[in-house]
Amino acid sequence: MKIDGSCHCGFITYEAEIDPQKVGVCHCTDCQSLTGSAFTTSVAADNDAFRLLSGQPKIYVKTAESGAKRAQAFCPQCGSRIYAAAEIAPQTFNLRVGTIRQRRELRPKTQSWCRSSLDWVMDLGSVPQNAQGRPR
């Protein structure tokens, strides 16, 4: 599937070819901290199937407990997370689904690090909904 996306402010734009079956949610504590939320939703794009069209992301390298180093790419203007990849010679870019224009078509197929998930996140169906924003 061909996709395109951008950061919140539009400074960074990209396009990629992805497999929608590879959309996943990660509940690890690093993803919680990096998103400021409960999880990350991402989809893999091979190195040769991902192309930056404009802008250059700022890279923050996170070293996991395992010692693995992951480059976290952010927009230097608005701070939107764009992707994560290996620090050196990435073969795959894990694109952040929220930055993809076709995100409504990208339903997660897997969840990882569920032992770190926040208790309430697996039961959002029971939380009252408001289609217009927060109730005041």
N, C-alpha and C. Protein backbone atom coordinates (compact mmCIF):
# COMPACT_ATOMS: atom_id res chain seq x y z
N MET A 1 0.85 -1.18 0.00
CA MET A 1 0.00 0.00 0.00
C MET A 1 0.89 1.24 0.00
N LYS A 2 0.61 2.15 -0.90
CA LYS A 2 1.36 3.41 -0.94
C LYS A 2 0.73 4.38 0.05
N ILE A 3 1.58 4.99 0.87
CA ILE A 3 1.11 5.97 1.85
C ILE A 3 1.94 7.23 1.74
N ASP A 4 1.45 8.29 2.35
CA ASP A 4 2.23 9.51 2.49
C ASP A 4 1.85 10.12 3.84
N GLY A 5 2.76 10.94 4.34
CA GLY A 5 2.51 11.52 5.65
C GLY A 5 3.33 12.75 5.90
N SER A 6 3.10 13.32 7.09
CA SER A 6 3.83 14.52 7.48
C SER A 6 3.75 14.70 8.98
N CYS A 7 4.62 15.55 9.48
CA CYS A 7 4.54 15.96 10.88
C CYS A 7 3.35 16.91 11.04
N HIS A 8 3.08 17.33 12.25
CA HIS A 8 1.94 18.20 12.53
C HIS A 8 2.04 19.53 11.78
N CYS A 9 3.22 20.11 11.72
CA CYS A 9 3.37 21.44 11.09
C CYS A 9 3.64 21.37 9.60
N GLY A 10 3.92 20.18 9.06
CA GLY A 10 4.17 20.03 7.62
C GLY A 10 5.60 20.23 7.19
N PHE A 11 6.52 20.50 8.11
CA PHE A 11 7.93 20.68 7.77
C PHE A 11 8.51 19.39 7.18
N ILE A 12 8.18 18.25 7.78
CA ILE A 12 8.65 16.96 7.28
C ILE A 12 7.51 16.27 6.54
N THR A 13 7.78 15.86 5.31
CA THR A 13 6.83 15.06 4.54
C THR A 13 7.55 13.83 4.03
N TYR A 14 6.81 12.77 3.82
CA TYR A 14 7.41 11.52 3.34
C TYR A 14 6.40 10.69 2.58
N GLU A 15 6.89 9.68 1.89
CA GLU A 15 6.05 8.68 1.26
C GLU A 15 6.70 7.33 1.47
N ALA A 16 5.89 6.28 1.40
CA ALA A 16 6.41 4.94 1.61
C ALA A 16 5.46 3.91 1.02
N GLU A 17 5.97 2.73 0.88
CA GLU A 17 5.18 1.56 0.51
C GLU A 17 5.21 0.66 1.74
N ILE A 18 4.04 0.30 2.24
CA ILE A 18 3.96 -0.51 3.46
C ILE A 18 3.01 -1.69 3.26
N ASP A 19 3.12 -2.64 4.16
CA ASP A 19 2.18 -3.75 4.22
C ASP A 19 1.24 -3.46 5.39
N PRO A 20 -0.05 -3.21 5.14
CA PRO A 20 -0.98 -2.88 6.23
C PRO A 20 -1.11 -3.99 7.28
N GLN A 21 -0.68 -5.19 6.94
CA GLN A 21 -0.71 -6.30 7.91
C GLN A 21 0.37 -6.15 8.98
N LYS A 22 1.28 -5.20 8.80
CA LYS A 22 2.38 -5.00 9.74
C LYS A 22 2.16 -3.84 10.70
N VAL A 23 0.93 -3.36 10.81
CA VAL A 23 0.61 -2.30 11.77
C VAL A 23 0.53 -2.92 13.16
N GLY A 24 1.23 -2.31 14.11
CA GLY A 24 1.23 -2.85 15.46
C GLY A 24 1.22 -1.77 16.52
N VAL A 25 0.82 -2.18 17.70
CA VAL A 25 0.81 -1.32 18.89
C VAL A 25 1.88 -1.83 19.83
N CYS A 26 2.67 -0.91 20.38
CA CYS A 26 3.68 -1.27 21.37
C CYS A 26 3.35 -0.58 22.69
N HIS A 27 3.29 -1.38 23.76
CA HIS A 27 2.94 -0.88 25.09
C HIS A 27 4.17 -0.73 25.99
N CYS A 28 5.39 -0.82 25.45
CA CYS A 28 6.58 -0.76 26.31
C CYS A 28 6.68 0.60 27.01
N THR A 29 7.40 0.64 28.10
CA THR A 29 7.50 1.88 28.87
C THR A 29 8.25 2.96 28.09
N ASP A 30 9.18 2.58 27.21
CA ASP A 30 9.85 3.58 26.37
C ASP A 30 8.83 4.25 25.46
N CYS A 31 7.95 3.47 24.83
CA CYS A 31 6.94 4.06 23.95
C CYS A 31 5.98 4.94 24.74
N GLN A 32 5.65 4.54 25.95
CA GLN A 32 4.78 5.38 26.78
C GLN A 32 5.45 6.73 27.05
N SER A 33 6.72 6.70 27.42
CA SER A 33 7.44 7.95 27.71
C SER A 33 7.63 8.80 26.46
N LEU A 34 8.00 8.16 25.34
CA LEU A 34 8.26 8.90 24.11
C LEU A 34 7.00 9.53 23.52
N THR A 35 5.85 8.88 23.71
CA THR A 35 4.61 9.43 23.18
C THR A 35 3.93 10.38 24.14
N GLY A 36 4.22 10.23 25.44
CA GLY A 36 3.45 10.96 26.43
C GLY A 36 2.05 10.40 26.50
N SER A 37 1.90 9.14 26.11
CA SER A 37 0.60 8.50 26.08
C SER A 37 0.76 7.04 26.51
N ALA A 38 -0.21 6.20 26.19
CA ALA A 38 -0.23 4.82 26.68
C ALA A 38 0.49 3.83 25.78
N PHE A 39 0.70 4.17 24.51
CA PHE A 39 1.34 3.24 23.57
C PHE A 39 1.72 3.97 22.29
N THR A 40 2.43 3.26 21.42
CA THR A 40 2.78 3.74 20.09
C THR A 40 2.13 2.82 19.08
N THR A 41 1.61 3.39 18.00
CA THR A 41 1.12 2.61 16.88
C THR A 41 2.02 2.92 15.70
N SER A 42 2.58 1.86 15.10
CA SER A 42 3.52 2.06 13.99
C SER A 42 3.35 0.99 12.93
N VAL A 43 3.95 1.24 11.78
CA VAL A 43 3.97 0.29 10.68
C VAL A 43 5.35 0.32 10.05
N ALA A 44 5.85 -0.85 9.71
CA ALA A 44 7.20 -0.96 9.14
C ALA A 44 7.20 -0.62 7.65
N ALA A 45 8.26 0.08 7.25
CA ALA A 45 8.53 0.34 5.84
C ALA A 45 9.99 -0.01 5.61
N ASP A 46 10.26 -0.83 4.61
CA ASP A 46 11.64 -1.17 4.29
C ASP A 46 12.41 0.07 3.86
N ASN A 47 13.70 0.05 4.06
CA ASN A 47 14.58 1.18 3.74
C ASN A 47 14.37 1.67 2.31
N ASP A 48 14.29 0.74 1.36
CA ASP A 48 14.16 1.15 -0.04
C ASP A 48 12.73 1.55 -0.41
N ALA A 49 11.79 1.45 0.54
CA ALA A 49 10.39 1.80 0.28
C ALA A 49 9.97 3.07 1.04
N PHE A 50 10.93 3.74 1.68
CA PHE A 50 10.65 4.95 2.46
C PHE A 50 11.47 6.09 1.88
N ARG A 51 10.81 7.25 1.68
CA ARG A 51 11.53 8.40 1.14
C ARG A 51 11.05 9.68 1.79
N LEU A 52 12.00 10.42 2.38
CA LEU A 52 11.70 11.76 2.90
C LEU A 52 11.53 12.68 1.70
N LEU A 53 10.47 13.48 1.70
CA LEU A 53 10.22 14.42 0.60
C LEU A 53 10.65 15.83 0.97
N SER A 54 10.51 16.18 2.25
CA SER A 54 10.93 17.51 2.70
C SER A 54 11.32 17.45 4.17
N GLY A 55 12.17 18.37 4.55
CA GLY A 55 12.61 18.48 5.93
C GLY A 55 13.62 17.42 6.31
N GLN A 56 14.26 17.64 7.42
CA GLN A 56 15.22 16.69 7.98
C GLN A 56 14.89 16.51 9.46
N PRO A 57 14.62 15.27 9.88
CA PRO A 57 14.25 15.09 11.29
C PRO A 57 15.43 15.26 12.22
N LYS A 58 15.13 15.60 13.45
CA LYS A 58 16.12 15.58 14.53
C LYS A 58 16.12 14.15 15.06
N ILE A 59 17.30 13.64 15.34
CA ILE A 59 17.43 12.25 15.80
C ILE A 59 17.86 12.22 17.26
N TYR A 60 17.12 11.44 18.02
CA TYR A 60 17.46 11.15 19.42
C TYR A 60 17.72 9.65 19.49
N VAL A 61 18.87 9.24 19.98
CA VAL A 61 19.20 7.82 20.07
C VAL A 61 18.89 7.32 21.47
N LYS A 62 18.00 6.36 21.54
CA LYS A 62 17.59 5.73 22.80
C LYS A 62 18.28 4.38 22.91
N THR A 63 18.98 4.15 24.02
CA THR A 63 19.60 2.87 24.28
C THR A 63 18.69 2.07 25.20
N ALA A 64 18.22 0.92 24.72
CA ALA A 64 17.32 0.07 25.49
C ALA A 64 18.09 -0.67 26.58
N GLU A 65 17.36 -1.27 27.51
CA GLU A 65 18.00 -2.07 28.56
C GLU A 65 18.86 -3.19 27.97
N SER A 66 18.47 -3.68 26.79
CA SER A 66 19.22 -4.74 26.11
C SER A 66 20.53 -4.24 25.51
N GLY A 67 20.68 -2.92 25.43
CA GLY A 67 21.86 -2.33 24.80
C GLY A 67 21.63 -1.92 23.35
N ALA A 68 20.49 -2.33 22.78
CA ALA A 68 20.17 -1.96 21.40
C ALA A 68 19.93 -0.45 21.32
N LYS A 69 20.41 0.15 20.25
CA LYS A 69 20.25 1.59 20.05
C LYS A 69 19.23 1.83 18.93
N ARG A 70 18.26 2.68 19.23
CA ARG A 70 17.21 3.01 18.26
C ARG A 70 17.20 4.52 18.04
N ALA A 71 17.25 4.91 16.78
CA ALA A 71 17.14 6.31 16.41
C ALA A 71 15.67 6.70 16.40
N GLN A 72 15.31 7.67 17.19
CA GLN A 72 13.94 8.21 17.25
C GLN A 72 13.95 9.52 16.47
N ALA A 73 13.18 9.58 15.38
CA ALA A 73 13.17 10.75 14.51
C ALA A 73 11.98 11.64 14.82
N PHE A 74 12.25 12.91 15.09
CA PHE A 74 11.25 13.90 15.43
C PHE A 74 11.35 15.09 14.49
N CYS A 75 10.24 15.79 14.30
CA CYS A 75 10.31 17.06 13.58
C CYS A 75 10.99 18.08 14.49
N PRO A 76 12.02 18.80 14.00
CA PRO A 76 12.69 19.79 14.85
C PRO A 76 11.83 21.04 15.09
N GLN A 77 10.77 21.21 14.31
CA GLN A 77 9.90 22.38 14.45
C GLN A 77 8.76 22.14 15.45
N CYS A 78 8.01 21.03 15.25
CA CYS A 78 6.80 20.81 16.07
C CYS A 78 6.92 19.64 17.03
N GLY A 79 7.97 18.82 16.89
CA GLY A 79 8.19 17.71 17.82
C GLY A 79 7.48 16.42 17.49
N SER A 80 6.71 16.37 16.40
CA SER A 80 6.02 15.14 16.03
C SER A 80 7.02 14.00 15.82
N ARG A 81 6.68 12.84 16.36
CA ARG A 81 7.49 11.64 16.12
C ARG A 81 7.17 11.13 14.73
N ILE A 82 8.19 10.87 13.93
CA ILE A 82 8.00 10.42 12.56
C ILE A 82 8.27 8.92 12.43
N TYR A 83 9.42 8.48 12.96
CA TYR A 83 9.77 7.06 12.88
C TYR A 83 10.81 6.69 13.91
N ALA A 84 11.02 5.39 14.05
CA ALA A 84 12.15 4.83 14.80
C ALA A 84 12.84 3.85 13.87
N ALA A 85 14.15 3.75 14.03
CA ALA A 85 14.94 2.86 13.16
C ALA A 85 16.24 2.52 13.88
N ALA A 86 16.97 1.57 13.32
CA ALA A 86 18.29 1.27 13.85
C ALA A 86 19.14 2.53 13.76
N GLU A 87 20.05 2.68 14.70
CA GLU A 87 20.89 3.89 14.72
C GLU A 87 21.77 3.97 13.47
N ILE A 88 22.34 2.85 13.07
CA ILE A 88 23.27 2.82 11.94
C ILE A 88 22.72 1.89 10.85
N ALA A 89 22.72 2.36 9.61
CA ALA A 89 22.28 1.60 8.44
C ALA A 89 20.92 0.92 8.65
N PRO A 90 19.88 1.69 8.88
CA PRO A 90 18.57 1.08 9.11
C PRO A 90 18.07 0.33 7.88
N GLN A 91 17.50 -0.83 8.14
CA GLN A 91 16.88 -1.62 7.07
C GLN A 91 15.37 -1.40 7.04
N THR A 92 14.83 -0.95 8.18
CA THR A 92 13.39 -0.74 8.34
C THR A 92 13.14 0.55 9.11
N PHE A 93 12.12 1.27 8.71
CA PHE A 93 11.67 2.46 9.42
C PHE A 93 10.29 2.14 9.99
N ASN A 94 10.12 2.28 11.30
CA ASN A 94 8.83 2.08 11.93
C ASN A 94 8.12 3.43 11.98
N LEU A 95 7.27 3.64 11.00
CA LEU A 95 6.57 4.91 10.84
C LEU A 95 5.44 5.04 11.84
N ARG A 96 5.29 6.21 12.42
CA ARG A 96 4.24 6.47 13.39
C ARG A 96 2.93 6.70 12.65
N VAL A 97 1.97 5.83 12.91
CA VAL A 97 0.71 5.82 12.17
C VAL A 97 -0.01 7.16 12.24
N GLY A 98 0.10 7.87 13.35
CA GLY A 98 -0.56 9.17 13.47
C GLY A 98 -0.07 10.21 12.49
N THR A 99 1.10 10.00 11.87
CA THR A 99 1.62 10.95 10.88
C THR A 99 1.26 10.55 9.45
N ILE A 100 0.60 9.41 9.29
CA ILE A 100 0.25 8.90 7.95
C ILE A 100 -1.13 9.41 7.55
N ARG A 101 -1.23 9.98 6.36
CA ARG A 101 -2.50 10.53 5.90
C ARG A 101 -3.59 9.45 5.80
N GLN A 102 -3.24 8.24 5.46
CA GLN A 102 -4.18 7.14 5.30
C GLN A 102 -4.39 6.35 6.60
N ARG A 103 -4.16 6.96 7.74
CA ARG A 103 -4.18 6.26 9.03
C ARG A 103 -5.50 5.56 9.34
N ARG A 104 -6.62 6.04 8.85
CA ARG A 104 -7.91 5.38 9.11
C ARG A 104 -7.95 3.97 8.52
N GLU A 105 -7.14 3.71 7.52
CA GLU A 105 -7.11 2.39 6.88
C GLU A 105 -6.13 1.43 7.56
N LEU A 106 -5.40 1.90 8.56
CA LEU A 106 -4.32 1.11 9.15
C LEU A 106 -4.68 0.62 10.55
N ARG A 107 -5.47 -0.40 10.60
CA ARG A 107 -5.90 -1.00 11.87
C ARG A 107 -4.79 -1.90 12.40
N PRO A 108 -4.42 -1.78 13.67
CA PRO A 108 -3.36 -2.65 14.23
C PRO A 108 -3.71 -4.13 14.11
N LYS A 109 -2.69 -4.92 13.83
CA LYS A 109 -2.84 -6.38 13.72
C LYS A 109 -2.18 -7.10 14.89
N THR A 110 -1.26 -6.43 15.59
CA THR A 110 -0.55 -7.04 16.71
C THR A 110 -0.37 -6.02 17.83
N GLN A 111 -0.12 -6.54 19.04
CA GLN A 111 0.27 -5.72 20.18
C GLN A 111 1.47 -6.37 20.82
N SER A 112 2.44 -5.56 21.22
CA SER A 112 3.63 -6.10 21.88
C SER A 112 3.85 -5.41 23.23
N TRP A 113 4.65 -6.02 24.06
CA TRP A 113 4.98 -5.53 25.40
C TRP A 113 3.71 -5.28 26.22
N CYS A 114 2.73 -6.16 26.07
CA CYS A 114 1.45 -6.01 26.78
C CYS A 114 1.61 -6.08 28.29
N ARG A 115 2.67 -6.74 28.77
CA ARG A 115 2.87 -6.79 30.23
C ARG A 115 3.13 -5.40 30.81
N SER A 116 3.53 -4.44 29.95
CA SER A 116 3.76 -3.07 30.39
C SER A 116 2.55 -2.17 30.15
N SER A 117 1.50 -2.72 29.56
CA SER A 117 0.35 -1.88 29.22
C SER A 117 -0.31 -1.34 30.49
N LEU A 118 -0.87 -0.18 30.38
CA LEU A 118 -1.63 0.40 31.48
C LEU A 118 -2.93 -0.39 31.62
N ASP A 119 -3.34 -0.65 32.84
CA ASP A 119 -4.49 -1.51 33.09
C ASP A 119 -5.74 -1.12 32.30
N TRP A 120 -5.99 0.14 32.17
CA TRP A 120 -7.21 0.63 31.54
C TRP A 120 -7.21 0.58 30.02
N VAL A 121 -6.04 0.48 29.41
CA VAL A 121 -5.96 0.62 27.96
C VAL A 121 -6.63 -0.53 27.21
N MET A 122 -6.70 -1.71 27.80
CA MET A 122 -7.33 -2.84 27.13
C MET A 122 -8.85 -2.82 27.27
N ASP A 123 -9.40 -1.81 27.95
CA ASP A 123 -10.83 -1.74 28.18
C ASP A 123 -11.40 -0.37 27.79
N LEU A 124 -10.90 0.23 26.74
CA LEU A 124 -11.38 1.55 26.35
C LEU A 124 -12.81 1.53 25.83
N GLY A 125 -13.29 0.36 25.42
CA GLY A 125 -14.66 0.26 24.93
C GLY A 125 -15.71 0.64 25.97
N SER A 126 -15.35 0.51 27.24
CA SER A 126 -16.31 0.84 28.31
C SER A 126 -16.26 2.31 28.72
N VAL A 127 -15.33 3.08 28.17
CA VAL A 127 -15.20 4.49 28.52
C VAL A 127 -16.18 5.31 27.68
N PRO A 128 -16.98 6.20 28.31
CA PRO A 128 -17.94 7.01 27.56
C PRO A 128 -17.25 7.78 26.43
N GLN A 129 -17.94 7.91 25.32
CA GLN A 129 -17.39 8.56 24.13
C GLN A 129 -18.11 9.86 23.83
N ASN A 130 -17.37 10.81 23.25
CA ASN A 130 -17.92 12.09 22.82
C ASN A 130 -17.29 12.39 21.47
N ALA A 131 -18.05 12.41 20.41
CA ALA A 131 -17.54 12.61 19.05
C ALA A 131 -17.02 14.02 18.79
N GLN A 132 -17.37 14.99 19.62
CA GLN A 132 -17.00 16.38 19.37
C GLN A 132 -15.86 16.90 20.23
N GLY A 133 -15.22 16.08 21.01
CA GLY A 133 -14.16 16.56 21.86
C GLY A 133 -14.49 16.28 23.32
N ARG A 134 -13.76 16.89 24.20
CA ARG A 134 -13.94 16.67 25.64
C ARG A 134 -15.22 17.32 26.15
N PRO A 135 -15.96 16.60 26.99
CA PRO A 135 -17.11 17.25 27.63
C PRO A 135 -16.61 18.31 28.61
N ARG A 136 -17.32 19.37 28.74
CA ARG A 136 -16.89 20.46 29.64
C ARG A 136 -17.76 20.49 30.87
